[in-house]
Amino acid sequence: MNLDFIHDIPLYMTFSSLIQILVLSMIFYYIFIFLKGTRGAQILLGMVIFIIVLISLTNFFHLETLNWILGRISVYLALAFLVIFQPEIRRALAELGRQPVFTLNMASRTGLDNIINAVMRLAEKRVGCLIAIEREKDSQDIRESGVALDAPVISELIQTIFYPKTPLHDGGLIIGDNKIKAAKCIFPLSQNQDLFKQLGTRHRAAVGMSEEYDCVVIVVSEETGSISVSYRGRLSRGMNEEKLRRFLEALLFKDTKSSVLKRAQEQLDLTPEGIAKTEKTSKSGD
């Protein structure tokens, strides 16, 4: 095979092509990593396979007209991509403006213990609750929909807030900077059509809050007493005290031995297999 033509290619063109290939490879790699475990990954994979097959067929059979059409509809494909992946893109853009990784101090660990204790007591009594714990970015606009408190994170206080028929029990509780910032807040409901149909308003609000804001949301079902955690639009159900603690520590505390996001992904089963397992084992709740 004659490879003399390679010597005729300018060196700068070869280097430039290599850089472009590496950059594009990294972009596609991180896109798939970002969408891994979401319905967007399946749609994106389907679109890529479909386009590759079409281009291959049109080139093989010399279908110039179809080639011309594919070239012209590229703009519309880009628009379709923005519409389909709007939740994921919005989340990515929101992360650009966040501060460096948030680290809770030692005093916050006492607050975390109080949160877990309150959640377990509420679950035992089958008292529904909805608690959002802020991470790097606050949710000031959601706080304004409720009643401002700025109170210490005390287990008894959290239980009292969610006790039925009390003035502040209806709605969500927001905790940030190791303080109870607001109660009776209105969380946004998730519009994700792939959510389990048996989920009620409280769970949809937990997922919606974690989709829109950088926070971890704990929800207790008043029907079953089951505990769930929502983060970045994913809902993991059937928590016990030990697993709940591992979840929250992985998501809220900086670990120098491993990546916070990596640990969070493992704890929350943010993979297609983990999500499928969660869907299979999930039960109805409010």
Protein backbone atom coordinates (compact mmCIF):
# COMPACT_ATOMS: atom_id res chain seq x y z
CA MET A 1 0.00 0.00 0.00
CA ASN A 2 1.44 3.35 -1.06
CA LEU A 3 1.55 5.83 1.85
CA ASP A 4 3.71 8.46 0.16
CA PHE A 5 0.80 10.90 0.18
CA ILE A 6 1.17 11.23 3.96
CA HIS A 7 4.48 13.03 3.49
CA ASP A 8 2.70 15.62 1.34
CA ILE A 9 0.42 16.66 4.23
CA PRO A 10 1.75 19.73 6.06
CA LEU A 11 2.80 19.04 9.63
CA TYR A 12 0.61 21.82 11.05
CA MET A 13 -2.47 20.24 9.42
CA THR A 14 -1.71 16.86 10.98
CA PHE A 15 -1.22 18.42 14.43
CA SER A 16 -4.36 20.54 14.04
CA SER A 17 -6.44 17.53 13.05
CA LEU A 18 -5.16 15.57 16.04
CA ILE A 19 -6.06 18.39 18.42
CA GLN A 20 -9.56 18.66 16.94
CA ILE A 21 -10.12 14.92 17.27
CA LEU A 22 -8.99 14.97 20.89
CA VAL A 23 -11.17 17.97 21.74
CA LEU A 24 -14.26 16.47 20.08
CA SER A 25 -13.62 13.13 21.77
CA MET A 26 -13.44 14.79 25.18
CA ILE A 27 -16.60 16.78 24.52
CA PHE A 28 -18.60 13.72 23.51
CA TYR A 29 -17.14 11.70 26.39
CA TYR A 30 -18.18 14.25 29.02
CA ILE A 31 -21.60 14.68 27.42
CA PHE A 32 -22.26 10.97 27.77
CA ILE A 33 -20.86 10.94 31.31
CA PHE A 34 -23.09 13.88 32.24
CA LEU A 35 -26.18 12.23 30.77
CA LYS A 36 -25.37 8.74 32.03
CA GLY A 37 -28.29 7.21 33.85
CA THR A 38 -30.84 9.67 32.44
CA ARG A 39 -33.39 9.28 29.69
CA GLY A 40 -31.30 11.83 27.77
CA ALA A 41 -28.48 9.30 27.35
CA GLN A 42 -30.77 6.85 25.56
CA ILE A 43 -32.19 9.54 23.31
CA LEU A 44 -28.76 10.92 22.49
CA LEU A 45 -27.42 7.46 21.71
CA GLY A 46 -30.40 6.77 19.47
CA MET A 47 -29.93 10.07 17.62
CA VAL A 48 -26.21 9.45 17.08
CA ILE A 49 -26.76 5.91 15.79
CA PHE A 50 -29.56 7.09 13.51
CA ILE A 51 -27.46 9.90 12.00
CA ILE A 52 -24.41 7.67 11.54
CA VAL A 53 -26.49 5.02 9.76
CA LEU A 54 -28.09 7.61 7.48
CA ILE A 55 -24.78 9.21 6.56
CA SER A 56 -23.19 5.83 5.91
CA LEU A 57 -26.04 4.71 3.69
CA THR A 58 -26.15 7.94 1.70
CA ASN A 59 -22.40 7.83 1.10
CA PHE A 60 -22.37 4.15 0.21
CA PHE A 61 -25.23 4.43 -2.27
CA HIS A 62 -24.16 7.89 -3.50
CA LEU A 63 -27.48 9.47 -2.54
CA GLU A 64 -26.51 13.10 -3.11
CA THR A 65 -30.02 14.43 -2.48
CA LEU A 66 -30.26 12.86 0.96
CA ASN A 67 -26.75 14.06 1.73
CA TRP A 68 -27.82 17.58 0.83
CA ILE A 69 -30.93 17.30 3.04
CA LEU A 70 -28.92 15.99 6.00
CA GLY A 71 -26.56 18.93 5.67
CA ARG A 72 -29.43 21.43 5.63
CA ILE A 73 -31.31 20.03 8.63
CA SER A 74 -28.27 20.17 10.93
CA VAL A 75 -29.55 23.45 12.38
CA TYR A 76 -32.90 21.88 13.19
CA LEU A 77 -31.19 18.88 14.78
CA ALA A 78 -29.30 21.27 17.04
CA LEU A 79 -32.57 22.93 18.00
CA ALA A 80 -34.13 19.53 18.69
CA PHE A 81 -31.15 18.69 20.90
CA LEU A 82 -31.71 21.85 22.97
CA VAL A 83 -35.40 21.02 23.42
CA ILE A 84 -34.91 17.36 24.30
CA PHE A 85 -32.08 17.93 26.74
CA GLN A 86 -33.38 21.18 28.20
CA PRO A 87 -33.39 19.93 31.85
CA GLU A 88 -29.86 18.56 31.61
CA ILE A 89 -28.53 21.67 29.85
CA ARG A 90 -30.19 23.96 32.40
CA ARG A 91 -28.61 21.99 35.21
CA ALA A 92 -25.17 22.17 33.56
CA LEU A 93 -25.42 25.93 33.05
CA ALA A 94 -26.49 26.40 36.64
CA GLU A 95 -23.41 24.52 37.82
CA LEU A 96 -21.13 26.94 35.97
CA GLY A 97 -22.02 29.71 38.39
CA ARG A 98 -21.52 27.68 41.53
CA GLN A 99 -18.81 28.23 44.08
CA PRO A 100 -16.06 25.68 44.77
CA VAL A 101 -17.03 22.40 46.41
CA PHE A 102 -18.95 23.09 49.57
CA THR A 103 -17.57 21.58 52.77
CA LEU A 104 -19.59 21.30 55.94
CA ASN A 105 -17.67 22.06 59.12
CA MET A 106 -17.55 19.86 62.20
CA ALA A 107 -20.37 21.81 63.85
CA SER A 108 -22.56 20.86 60.91
CA ARG A 109 -22.14 17.18 61.70
CA THR A 110 -24.19 17.70 64.82
CA GLY A 111 -26.84 19.31 62.65
CA LEU A 112 -26.71 16.35 60.29
CA ASP A 113 -27.19 13.97 63.20
CA ASN A 114 -30.22 15.99 64.29
CA ILE A 115 -31.68 15.91 60.78
CA ILE A 116 -31.28 12.13 60.55
CA ASN A 117 -32.72 11.64 64.01
CA ALA A 118 -35.75 13.78 63.17
CA VAL A 119 -36.33 11.96 59.87
CA MET A 120 -36.17 8.55 61.53
CA ARG A 121 -38.61 9.60 64.27
CA LEU A 122 -41.03 11.06 61.70
CA ALA A 123 -40.78 7.88 59.62
CA GLU A 124 -41.57 5.72 62.65
CA LYS A 125 -44.71 7.78 63.31
CA ARG A 126 -45.55 7.93 59.57
CA VAL A 127 -45.51 11.70 59.59
CA GLY A 128 -44.83 13.09 56.13
CA CYS A 129 -41.96 15.54 55.72
CA LEU A 130 -40.03 17.33 52.99
CA ILE A 131 -36.56 18.67 53.82
CA ALA A 132 -34.16 20.35 51.39
CA ILE A 133 -30.52 20.73 52.44
CA GLU A 134 -28.66 23.36 50.43
CA ARG A 135 -25.18 22.64 49.11
CA GLU A 136 -23.10 25.27 47.26
CA LYS A 137 -25.89 27.56 46.12
CA ASP A 138 -28.85 28.79 48.11
CA SER A 139 -32.51 28.81 47.08
CA GLN A 140 -33.51 32.29 48.19
CA ASP A 141 -36.53 32.54 45.91
CA ILE A 142 -37.97 29.30 47.28
CA ARG A 143 -37.35 30.48 50.84
CA GLU A 144 -39.41 33.56 50.13
CA SER A 145 -42.42 31.37 49.32
CA GLY A 146 -42.49 30.15 52.93
CA VAL A 147 -41.95 31.47 56.45
CA ALA A 148 -38.44 32.63 57.36
CA LEU A 149 -37.07 31.05 60.57
CA ASP A 150 -33.26 31.20 60.79
CA ALA A 151 -33.39 28.69 63.65
CA PRO A 152 -30.85 26.13 64.85
CA VAL A 153 -31.04 22.60 63.43
CA ILE A 154 -32.64 20.73 66.33
CA SER A 155 -34.32 17.34 65.96
CA GLU A 156 -37.28 18.23 68.18
CA LEU A 157 -37.89 21.46 66.29
CA ILE A 158 -37.94 19.69 62.91
CA GLN A 159 -40.37 17.09 64.26
CA THR A 160 -42.60 19.81 65.69
CA ILE A 161 -42.69 21.69 62.39
CA PHE A 162 -43.97 18.65 60.49
CA TYR A 163 -46.37 17.45 63.14
CA PRO A 164 -49.90 17.33 61.62
CA LYS A 165 -52.15 20.35 62.03
CA THR A 166 -49.33 22.68 63.10
CA PRO A 167 -49.20 25.98 61.16
CA LEU A 168 -45.92 25.14 59.38
CA HIS A 169 -46.35 21.42 58.66
CA ASP A 170 -47.59 21.84 55.09
CA GLY A 171 -44.81 22.45 52.58
CA GLY A 172 -41.06 22.03 52.54
CA LEU A 173 -38.34 22.86 55.04
CA ILE A 174 -35.06 24.42 53.84
CA ILE A 175 -31.80 23.98 55.75
CA GLY A 176 -28.66 25.91 54.85
CA ASP A 177 -25.49 27.11 56.61
CA ASN A 178 -26.33 24.76 59.50
CA LYS A 179 -29.60 26.58 60.17
CA ILE A 180 -33.27 26.07 59.43
CA LYS A 181 -33.79 28.90 56.98
CA ALA A 182 -37.49 28.61 56.18
CA ALA A 183 -40.52 26.36 56.52
CA LYS A 184 -43.82 25.93 54.69
CA CYS A 185 -42.01 26.55 51.39
CA ILE A 186 -43.52 25.70 48.02
CA PHE A 187 -41.17 23.43 46.08
CA PRO A 188 -41.42 23.21 42.27
CA LEU A 189 -43.01 20.00 40.99
CA SER A 190 -40.99 17.87 38.60
CA GLN A 191 -42.29 17.69 35.03
CA ASN A 192 -40.37 14.49 34.32
CA GLN A 193 -42.83 12.16 32.60
CA ASP A 194 -40.65 9.14 33.42
CA LEU A 195 -41.35 9.43 37.13
CA PHE A 196 -43.33 6.61 38.63
CA LYS A 197 -47.04 7.22 38.14
CA GLN A 198 -47.75 6.21 41.73
CA LEU A 199 -45.63 9.05 43.12
CA GLY A 200 -47.58 11.77 44.86
CA THR A 201 -47.09 15.50 45.16
CA ARG A 202 -44.55 15.32 47.99
CA HIS A 203 -42.17 13.07 46.05
CA ARG A 204 -42.61 15.04 42.83
CA ALA A 205 -41.81 18.20 44.76
CA ALA A 206 -38.65 16.57 46.13
CA VAL A 207 -37.50 15.62 42.64
CA GLY A 208 -38.46 19.03 41.23
CA MET A 209 -36.53 20.85 43.95
CA SER A 210 -33.40 18.79 43.31
CA GLU A 211 -33.74 19.41 39.56
CA GLU A 212 -33.99 23.17 39.89
CA TYR A 213 -31.61 23.80 42.79
CA ASP A 214 -28.35 22.48 44.14
CA CYS A 215 -29.68 20.66 47.15
CA VAL A 216 -30.36 17.25 48.62
CA VAL A 217 -34.01 16.61 49.41
CA ILE A 218 -35.27 14.11 51.98
CA VAL A 219 -38.87 13.01 51.82
CA VAL A 220 -40.88 10.79 54.17
CA SER A 221 -44.13 9.21 53.01
CA GLU A 222 -46.99 9.63 55.44
CA GLU A 223 -48.69 6.55 53.95
CA THR A 224 -45.85 4.04 54.34
CA GLY A 225 -43.26 5.85 56.44
CA SER A 226 -40.64 5.11 53.78
CA ILE A 227 -37.68 7.47 53.41
CA SER A 228 -36.40 8.69 50.04
CA VAL A 229 -33.59 10.97 48.91
CA SER A 230 -33.61 13.07 45.74
CA TYR A 231 -30.51 14.58 44.18
CA ARG A 232 -30.11 16.08 40.71
CA GLY A 233 -33.53 14.86 39.69
CA ARG A 234 -32.99 11.25 40.73
CA LEU A 235 -34.98 9.63 43.50
CA SER A 236 -33.64 6.77 45.62
CA ARG A 237 -36.18 5.11 47.87
CA GLY A 238 -36.29 2.68 50.78
CA MET A 239 -33.66 4.33 52.98
CA ASN A 240 -32.76 3.13 56.46
CA GLU A 241 -30.74 5.13 58.98
CA GLU A 242 -27.35 3.79 57.95
CA LYS A 243 -27.92 4.24 54.23
CA LEU A 244 -29.42 7.70 54.73
CA ARG A 245 -26.34 8.78 56.68
CA ARG A 246 -23.99 7.47 53.97
CA PHE A 247 -26.02 9.27 51.30
CA LEU A 248 -25.93 12.60 53.08
CA GLU A 249 -22.27 12.38 54.05
CA ALA A 250 -21.32 11.50 50.47
CA LEU A 251 -23.27 14.47 49.12
CA LEU A 252 -22.60 17.10 51.77
CA PHE A 253 -19.14 16.44 53.17
CA LYS A 254 -15.90 16.81 51.29
CA ASP A 255 -13.83 13.63 51.21
CA THR A 256 -10.18 14.02 50.28
CA LYS A 257 -9.85 10.33 49.46
CA SER A 258 -12.39 10.28 46.69
CA SER A 259 -14.50 12.57 44.56
CA VAL A 260 -17.71 13.79 46.16
CA LEU A 261 -19.61 13.43 42.92
CA LYS A 262 -18.21 9.95 42.35
CA ARG A 263 -19.26 8.82 45.80
CA ALA A 264 -22.65 10.45 45.35
CA GLN A 265 -23.14 8.63 42.06
CA GLU A 266 -22.31 5.30 43.68
CA GLN A 267 -24.53 5.97 46.68
CA LEU A 268 -27.47 7.14 44.62
CA ASP A 269 -27.10 4.40 41.98
CA LEU A 270 -26.99 7.00 39.19
CA THR A 271 -26.51 4.34 36.53
CA PRO A 272 -29.03 2.69 34.19
CA GLU A 273 -28.79 -0.52 36.26
CA GLY A 274 -29.26 1.31 39.54
CA ILE A 275 -32.22 3.32 38.28
CA ALA A 276 -33.84 0.21 36.79
CA LYS A 277 -33.38 -1.55 40.12
CA THR A 278 -34.94 1.39 41.97
CA GLU A 279 -37.93 1.44 39.61
CA LYS A 280 -38.40 -2.30 39.98
CA THR A 281 -38.32 -2.26 43.77
CA SER A 282 -40.26 0.99 44.28
CA LYS A 283 -43.62 0.99 45.95
CA SER A 284 -46.44 3.44 45.87
CA GLY A 285 -46.18 6.55 48.05
CA ASP A 286 -47.47 10.09 48.45
